[in-house]
Amino acid sequence: MNRAAERWNAKGLRVIGVSLESDVARVAEAAKAWDMHYDTYPLVPGQAKTTEALFPNGLPTSALVRKGSTTLHEQRLDDAAIDRLVPPLLETPAR
């Protein structure tokens, strides 16, 4: 995800990480240990049910969002998958 963020940030891609952990310090520690170069957010305390609804099969899960439409990928996305999935999301529709 670091490479995706670096490669397409200028074209509008924003990568964020959502942790199932609610402890802010632990999330920051993990992001640093895993060398994550994008924003990471902890689970808001008391929102476990909402998170389970969003990610019913747990992690890893990637959600690609464009103009309110979301596509969920319930597996780890490798570089080839990211290279295939991201560019169409960044394209400006022809007028």
N, C-alpha and C. Protein backbone atom coordinates (compact mmCIF):
# COMPACT_ATOMS: atom_id res chain seq x y z
N MET A 1 0.82 -1.18 0.00
CA MET A 1 0.00 0.00 0.00
C MET A 1 0.87 1.26 0.00
N ASN A 2 2.08 1.15 0.58
CA ASN A 2 2.99 2.30 0.53
C ASN A 2 3.28 2.69 -0.91
N ARG A 3 3.59 1.70 -1.74
CA ARG A 3 3.92 2.00 -3.14
C ARG A 3 2.73 2.63 -3.86
N ALA A 4 1.54 2.14 -3.59
CA ALA A 4 0.34 2.70 -4.22
C ALA A 4 0.16 4.16 -3.80
N ALA A 5 0.32 4.42 -2.51
CA ALA A 5 0.17 5.79 -2.00
C ALA A 5 1.20 6.72 -2.64
N GLU A 6 2.43 6.27 -2.72
CA GLU A 6 3.48 7.09 -3.30
C GLU A 6 3.27 7.28 -4.80
N ARG A 7 2.88 6.23 -5.49
CA ARG A 7 2.75 6.27 -6.94
C ARG A 7 1.59 7.16 -7.40
N TRP A 8 0.45 7.07 -6.72
CA TRP A 8 -0.76 7.72 -7.23
C TRP A 8 -1.29 8.85 -6.35
N ASN A 9 -0.56 9.24 -5.34
CA ASN A 9 -1.03 10.32 -4.47
C ASN A 9 -1.32 11.59 -5.26
N ALA A 10 -0.44 11.96 -6.17
CA ALA A 10 -0.61 13.18 -6.96
C ALA A 10 -1.84 13.12 -7.86
N LYS A 11 -2.32 11.92 -8.14
CA LYS A 11 -3.50 11.76 -8.99
C LYS A 11 -4.78 11.61 -8.16
N GLY A 12 -4.65 11.73 -6.85
CA GLY A 12 -5.83 11.73 -6.00
C GLY A 12 -6.07 10.49 -5.17
N LEU A 13 -5.18 9.50 -5.22
CA LEU A 13 -5.36 8.31 -4.40
C LEU A 13 -5.02 8.63 -2.95
N ARG A 14 -5.88 8.22 -2.07
CA ARG A 14 -5.60 8.36 -0.63
C ARG A 14 -5.72 6.98 -0.02
N VAL A 15 -4.65 6.53 0.57
CA VAL A 15 -4.62 5.24 1.25
C VAL A 15 -4.75 5.50 2.74
N ILE A 16 -5.68 4.79 3.37
CA ILE A 16 -5.80 4.87 4.83
C ILE A 16 -5.86 3.45 5.37
N GLY A 17 -5.35 3.29 6.56
CA GLY A 17 -5.41 2.01 7.24
C GLY A 17 -6.40 2.10 8.38
N VAL A 18 -7.19 1.06 8.55
CA VAL A 18 -8.14 0.99 9.66
C VAL A 18 -7.75 -0.22 10.49
N SER A 19 -7.48 0.01 11.75
CA SER A 19 -7.08 -1.07 12.64
C SER A 19 -8.29 -1.57 13.43
N LEU A 20 -8.26 -2.83 13.75
CA LEU A 20 -9.29 -3.37 14.64
C LEU A 20 -8.92 -3.14 16.10
N GLU A 21 -7.81 -2.50 16.31
CA GLU A 21 -7.32 -2.14 17.65
C GLU A 21 -7.83 -0.74 17.99
N SER A 22 -8.27 -0.52 19.22
CA SER A 22 -8.76 0.81 19.60
C SER A 22 -7.73 1.64 20.35
N ASP A 23 -6.61 1.05 20.72
CA ASP A 23 -5.57 1.77 21.45
C ASP A 23 -4.72 2.58 20.46
N VAL A 24 -4.84 3.90 20.52
CA VAL A 24 -4.16 4.79 19.58
C VAL A 24 -2.66 4.57 19.58
N ALA A 25 -2.06 4.43 20.75
CA ALA A 25 -0.62 4.24 20.85
C ALA A 25 -0.18 2.93 20.19
N ARG A 26 -0.94 1.87 20.38
CA ARG A 26 -0.60 0.59 19.76
C ARG A 26 -0.73 0.65 18.24
N VAL A 27 -1.73 1.37 17.76
CA VAL A 27 -1.89 1.53 16.31
C VAL A 27 -0.71 2.31 15.73
N ALA A 28 -0.32 3.38 16.39
CA ALA A 28 0.82 4.18 15.94
C ALA A 28 2.10 3.35 15.97
N GLU A 29 2.26 2.55 17.01
CA GLU A 29 3.44 1.69 17.14
C GLU A 29 3.49 0.67 16.01
N ALA A 30 2.36 0.05 15.71
CA ALA A 30 2.30 -0.94 14.63
C ALA A 30 2.56 -0.29 13.28
N ALA A 31 1.99 0.89 13.04
CA ALA A 31 2.20 1.59 11.78
C ALA A 31 3.68 1.90 11.58
N LYS A 32 4.35 2.29 12.66
CA LYS A 32 5.78 2.56 12.57
C LYS A 32 6.57 1.27 12.36
N ALA A 33 6.25 0.23 13.10
CA ALA A 33 6.96 -1.04 12.99
C ALA A 33 6.79 -1.66 11.60
N TRP A 34 5.61 -1.48 11.02
CA TRP A 34 5.33 -2.05 9.69
C TRP A 34 5.66 -1.07 8.57
N ASP A 35 6.25 0.08 8.93
CA ASP A 35 6.70 1.08 7.97
C ASP A 35 5.57 1.56 7.06
N MET A 36 4.42 1.84 7.66
CA MET A 36 3.26 2.31 6.91
C MET A 36 3.40 3.81 6.67
N HIS A 37 3.37 4.23 5.42
CA HIS A 37 3.55 5.64 5.06
C HIS A 37 2.22 6.29 4.70
N TYR A 38 1.17 5.88 5.34
CA TYR A 38 -0.15 6.45 5.10
C TYR A 38 -0.88 6.52 6.43
N ASP A 39 -1.95 7.29 6.44
CA ASP A 39 -2.71 7.49 7.67
C ASP A 39 -3.33 6.18 8.15
N THR A 40 -3.25 5.95 9.44
CA THR A 40 -3.89 4.78 10.04
C THR A 40 -4.79 5.25 11.16
N TYR A 41 -5.91 4.58 11.30
CA TYR A 41 -6.90 4.98 12.29
C TYR A 41 -7.28 3.78 13.14
N PRO A 42 -7.39 4.01 14.45
CA PRO A 42 -7.83 2.93 15.34
C PRO A 42 -9.35 2.78 15.28
N LEU A 43 -9.80 1.64 15.71
CA LEU A 43 -11.22 1.40 15.88
C LEU A 43 -11.74 2.31 16.99
N VAL A 44 -12.85 2.95 16.76
CA VAL A 44 -13.44 3.80 17.78
C VAL A 44 -14.04 2.90 18.86
N PRO A 45 -13.70 3.13 20.13
CA PRO A 45 -14.25 2.28 21.19
C PRO A 45 -15.79 2.22 21.10
N GLY A 46 -16.31 1.02 21.27
CA GLY A 46 -17.74 0.82 21.23
C GLY A 46 -18.31 0.60 19.84
N GLN A 47 -17.45 0.56 18.83
CA GLN A 47 -17.92 0.41 17.45
C GLN A 47 -17.59 -0.96 16.85
N ALA A 48 -17.37 -1.95 17.69
CA ALA A 48 -17.01 -3.29 17.20
C ALA A 48 -18.08 -3.86 16.26
N LYS A 49 -19.35 -3.68 16.60
CA LYS A 49 -20.43 -4.21 15.75
C LYS A 49 -20.44 -3.55 14.37
N THR A 50 -20.21 -2.24 14.33
CA THR A 50 -20.15 -1.54 13.05
C THR A 50 -18.99 -2.05 12.22
N THR A 51 -17.84 -2.23 12.85
CA THR A 51 -16.67 -2.74 12.15
C THR A 51 -16.91 -4.15 11.63
N GLU A 52 -17.55 -4.98 12.43
CA GLU A 52 -17.87 -6.34 11.98
C GLU A 52 -18.80 -6.30 10.77
N ALA A 53 -19.71 -5.34 10.73
CA ALA A 53 -20.62 -5.21 9.60
C ALA A 53 -19.87 -4.75 8.34
N LEU A 54 -18.90 -3.86 8.53
CA LEU A 54 -18.11 -3.36 7.39
C LEU A 54 -17.15 -4.41 6.86
N PHE A 55 -16.55 -5.17 7.78
CA PHE A 55 -15.55 -6.17 7.42
C PHE A 55 -15.98 -7.53 7.98
N PRO A 56 -17.03 -8.14 7.42
CA PRO A 56 -17.61 -9.35 8.00
C PRO A 56 -16.66 -10.55 8.06
N ASN A 57 -15.68 -10.58 7.18
CA ASN A 57 -14.72 -11.70 7.19
C ASN A 57 -13.38 -11.31 7.80
N GLY A 58 -13.36 -10.17 8.50
CA GLY A 58 -12.14 -9.74 9.16
C GLY A 58 -11.13 -9.14 8.20
N LEU A 59 -9.89 -9.17 8.61
CA LEU A 59 -8.81 -8.61 7.82
C LEU A 59 -7.91 -9.71 7.28
N PRO A 60 -7.15 -9.47 6.24
CA PRO A 60 -7.02 -8.19 5.55
C PRO A 60 -8.19 -7.96 4.60
N THR A 61 -8.61 -6.73 4.52
CA THR A 61 -9.66 -6.29 3.62
C THR A 61 -9.27 -4.94 3.06
N SER A 62 -9.51 -4.75 1.78
CA SER A 62 -9.28 -3.45 1.15
C SER A 62 -10.60 -2.98 0.57
N ALA A 63 -10.92 -1.73 0.80
CA ALA A 63 -12.11 -1.14 0.21
C ALA A 63 -11.65 -0.03 -0.73
N LEU A 64 -12.02 -0.15 -1.98
CA LEU A 64 -11.71 0.88 -2.96
C LEU A 64 -12.97 1.71 -3.16
N VAL A 65 -12.85 3.01 -2.95
CA VAL A 65 -14.02 3.89 -2.99
C VAL A 65 -13.82 4.95 -4.05
N ARG A 66 -14.85 5.13 -4.87
CA ARG A 66 -14.83 6.21 -5.86
C ARG A 66 -16.23 6.77 -5.98
N LYS A 67 -16.36 8.06 -5.71
CA LYS A 67 -17.64 8.77 -5.84
C LYS A 67 -18.77 8.04 -5.14
N GLY A 68 -18.53 7.57 -3.93
CA GLY A 68 -19.57 6.94 -3.13
C GLY A 68 -19.81 5.47 -3.42
N SER A 69 -19.13 4.92 -4.39
CA SER A 69 -19.27 3.50 -4.72
C SER A 69 -18.07 2.74 -4.17
N THR A 70 -18.34 1.67 -3.45
CA THR A 70 -17.28 0.91 -2.78
C THR A 70 -17.19 -0.50 -3.32
N THR A 71 -15.96 -0.95 -3.55
CA THR A 71 -15.70 -2.33 -3.91
C THR A 71 -14.82 -2.92 -2.82
N LEU A 72 -15.29 -4.00 -2.20
CA LEU A 72 -14.56 -4.64 -1.11
C LEU A 72 -13.77 -5.82 -1.64
N HIS A 73 -12.50 -5.90 -1.24
CA HIS A 73 -11.62 -7.02 -1.61
C HIS A 73 -11.18 -7.66 -0.31
N GLU A 74 -11.68 -8.85 -0.04
CA GLU A 74 -11.43 -9.48 1.26
C GLU A 74 -10.25 -10.44 1.21
N GLN A 75 -9.14 -9.88 0.80
CA GLN A 75 -7.87 -10.59 0.81
C GLN A 75 -6.76 -9.55 0.70
N ARG A 76 -5.55 -9.98 0.91
CA ARG A 76 -4.42 -9.07 0.76
C ARG A 76 -4.24 -8.81 -0.73
N LEU A 77 -4.11 -7.55 -1.09
CA LEU A 77 -3.89 -7.19 -2.49
C LEU A 77 -2.40 -7.07 -2.75
N ASP A 78 -1.91 -7.84 -3.72
CA ASP A 78 -0.50 -7.72 -4.08
C ASP A 78 -0.32 -6.58 -5.08
N ASP A 79 0.93 -6.30 -5.43
CA ASP A 79 1.21 -5.18 -6.33
C ASP A 79 0.51 -5.32 -7.67
N ALA A 80 0.45 -6.53 -8.21
CA ALA A 80 -0.20 -6.74 -9.51
C ALA A 80 -1.69 -6.40 -9.43
N ALA A 81 -2.35 -6.81 -8.35
CA ALA A 81 -3.78 -6.50 -8.19
C ALA A 81 -3.99 -5.00 -8.03
N ILE A 82 -3.15 -4.37 -7.26
CA ILE A 82 -3.26 -2.92 -7.05
C ILE A 82 -3.03 -2.19 -8.37
N ASP A 83 -2.03 -2.63 -9.14
CA ASP A 83 -1.75 -2.02 -10.44
C ASP A 83 -2.93 -2.17 -11.40
N ARG A 84 -3.70 -3.22 -11.25
CA ARG A 84 -4.86 -3.46 -12.10
C ARG A 84 -6.09 -2.68 -11.62
N LEU A 85 -6.27 -2.58 -10.31
CA LEU A 85 -7.48 -2.01 -9.75
C LEU A 85 -7.49 -0.48 -9.60
N VAL A 86 -6.36 0.10 -9.29
CA VAL A 86 -6.33 1.53 -8.96
C VAL A 86 -6.45 2.46 -10.17
N PRO A 87 -5.69 2.27 -11.25
CA PRO A 87 -5.76 3.24 -12.35
C PRO A 87 -7.17 3.55 -12.86
N PRO A 88 -8.06 2.56 -13.04
CA PRO A 88 -9.41 2.92 -13.50
C PRO A 88 -10.17 3.83 -12.52
N LEU A 89 -9.85 3.73 -11.25
CA LEU A 89 -10.51 4.59 -10.26
C LEU A 89 -10.07 6.03 -10.36
N LEU A 90 -8.89 6.25 -10.93
CA LEU A 90 -8.33 7.58 -11.02
C LEU A 90 -8.63 8.27 -12.34
N GLU A 91 -9.16 7.53 -13.29
CA GLU A 91 -9.45 8.09 -14.61
C GLU A 91 -10.60 9.08 -14.53
N THR A 92 -10.48 10.14 -15.27
CA THR A 92 -11.55 11.13 -15.38
C THR A 92 -12.46 10.69 -16.52
N PRO A 93 -13.75 10.57 -16.27
CA PRO A 93 -14.66 10.16 -17.34
C PRO A 93 -14.64 11.13 -18.51
N ALA A 94 -14.74 10.60 -19.73
CA ALA A 94 -14.78 11.45 -20.92
C ALA A 94 -16.07 12.24 -20.93
N ARG A 95 -16.02 13.44 -21.44
CA ARG A 95 -17.22 14.28 -21.50
C ARG A 95 -17.84 14.22 -22.86
